[in-house]
Amino acid sequence: MHRMCEAHDIMNAKLFACKNADFAKCIECAKHMIYG
């Protein structure tokens, strides 16, 4: 598969390891990683 970038892989790992209580924080982090 085509890999978008290192940050995308890190984001996926963080989201995957994320607990429900921290989900909103993970989403905010992901947004910053995606959109800068």
C-alpha atoms as a PDB file:
ATOM      1  CA  MET A   1       0.000   0.000   0.000  1.00  0.00           C
ATOM      2  CA  HIS A   2       0.997   3.583  -0.560  1.00  0.00           C
ATOM      3  CA  ARG A   3       2.118   5.283   2.618  1.00  0.00           C
ATOM      4  CA  MET A   4       1.031   8.926   2.887  1.00  0.00           C
ATOM      5  CA  CYS A   5       3.669  10.031   5.364  1.00  0.00           C
ATOM      6  CA  GLU A   6       5.353   9.230   8.677  1.00  0.00           C
ATOM      7  CA  ALA A   7       2.942  11.505  10.572  1.00  0.00           C
ATOM      8  CA  HIS A   8      -0.035   9.578   9.190  1.00  0.00           C
ATOM      9  CA  ASP A   9       1.381   6.298  10.505  1.00  0.00           C
ATOM     10  CA  ILE A  10       2.048   7.890  13.907  1.00  0.00           C
ATOM     11  CA  MET A  11      -1.480   9.320  13.951  1.00  0.00           C
ATOM     12  CA  ASN A  12      -2.976   5.898  13.175  1.00  0.00           C
ATOM     13  CA  ALA A  13      -0.916   4.293  15.931  1.00  0.00           C
ATOM     14  CA  LYS A  14      -2.028   6.920  18.455  1.00  0.00           C
ATOM     15  CA  LEU A  15      -5.680   6.623  17.471  1.00  0.00           C
ATOM     16  CA  PHE A  16      -5.498   2.825  17.602  1.00  0.00           C
ATOM     17  CA  ALA A  17      -3.963   2.870  21.091  1.00  0.00           C
ATOM     18  CA  CYS A  18      -6.340   5.585  22.283  1.00  0.00           C
ATOM     19  CA  LYS A  19      -8.859   4.974  25.067  1.00  0.00           C
ATOM     20  CA  ASN A  20     -12.434   6.245  24.696  1.00  0.00           C
ATOM     21  CA  ALA A  21     -11.867   8.849  27.409  1.00  0.00           C
ATOM     22  CA  ASP A  22      -8.982  10.302  25.401  1.00  0.00           C
ATOM     23  CA  PHE A  23     -10.655   9.959  22.015  1.00  0.00           C
ATOM     24  CA  ALA A  24     -11.433  13.672  21.665  1.00  0.00           C
ATOM     25  CA  LYS A  25      -7.813  14.532  22.473  1.00  0.00           C
ATOM     26  CA  CYS A  26      -6.609  12.022  19.901  1.00  0.00           C
ATOM     27  CA  ILE A  27      -8.919  13.527  17.278  1.00  0.00           C
ATOM     28  CA  GLU A  28      -7.625  17.029  18.033  1.00  0.00           C
ATOM     29  CA  CYS A  29      -4.050  15.762  17.760  1.00  0.00           C
ATOM     30  CA  ALA A  30      -4.903  14.027  14.488  1.00  0.00           C
ATOM     31  CA  LYS A  31      -6.430  17.217  13.082  1.00  0.00           C
ATOM     32  CA  HIS A  32      -3.230  19.133  13.847  1.00  0.00           C
ATOM     33  CA  MET A  33      -1.140  16.397  12.238  1.00  0.00           C
ATOM     34  CA  ILE A  34      -3.336  16.342   9.128  1.00  0.00           C
ATOM     35  CA  TYR A  35      -4.119  20.025   8.671  1.00  0.00           C
ATOM     36  CA  GLY A  36      -1.104  21.522  10.426  1.00  0.00           C
END
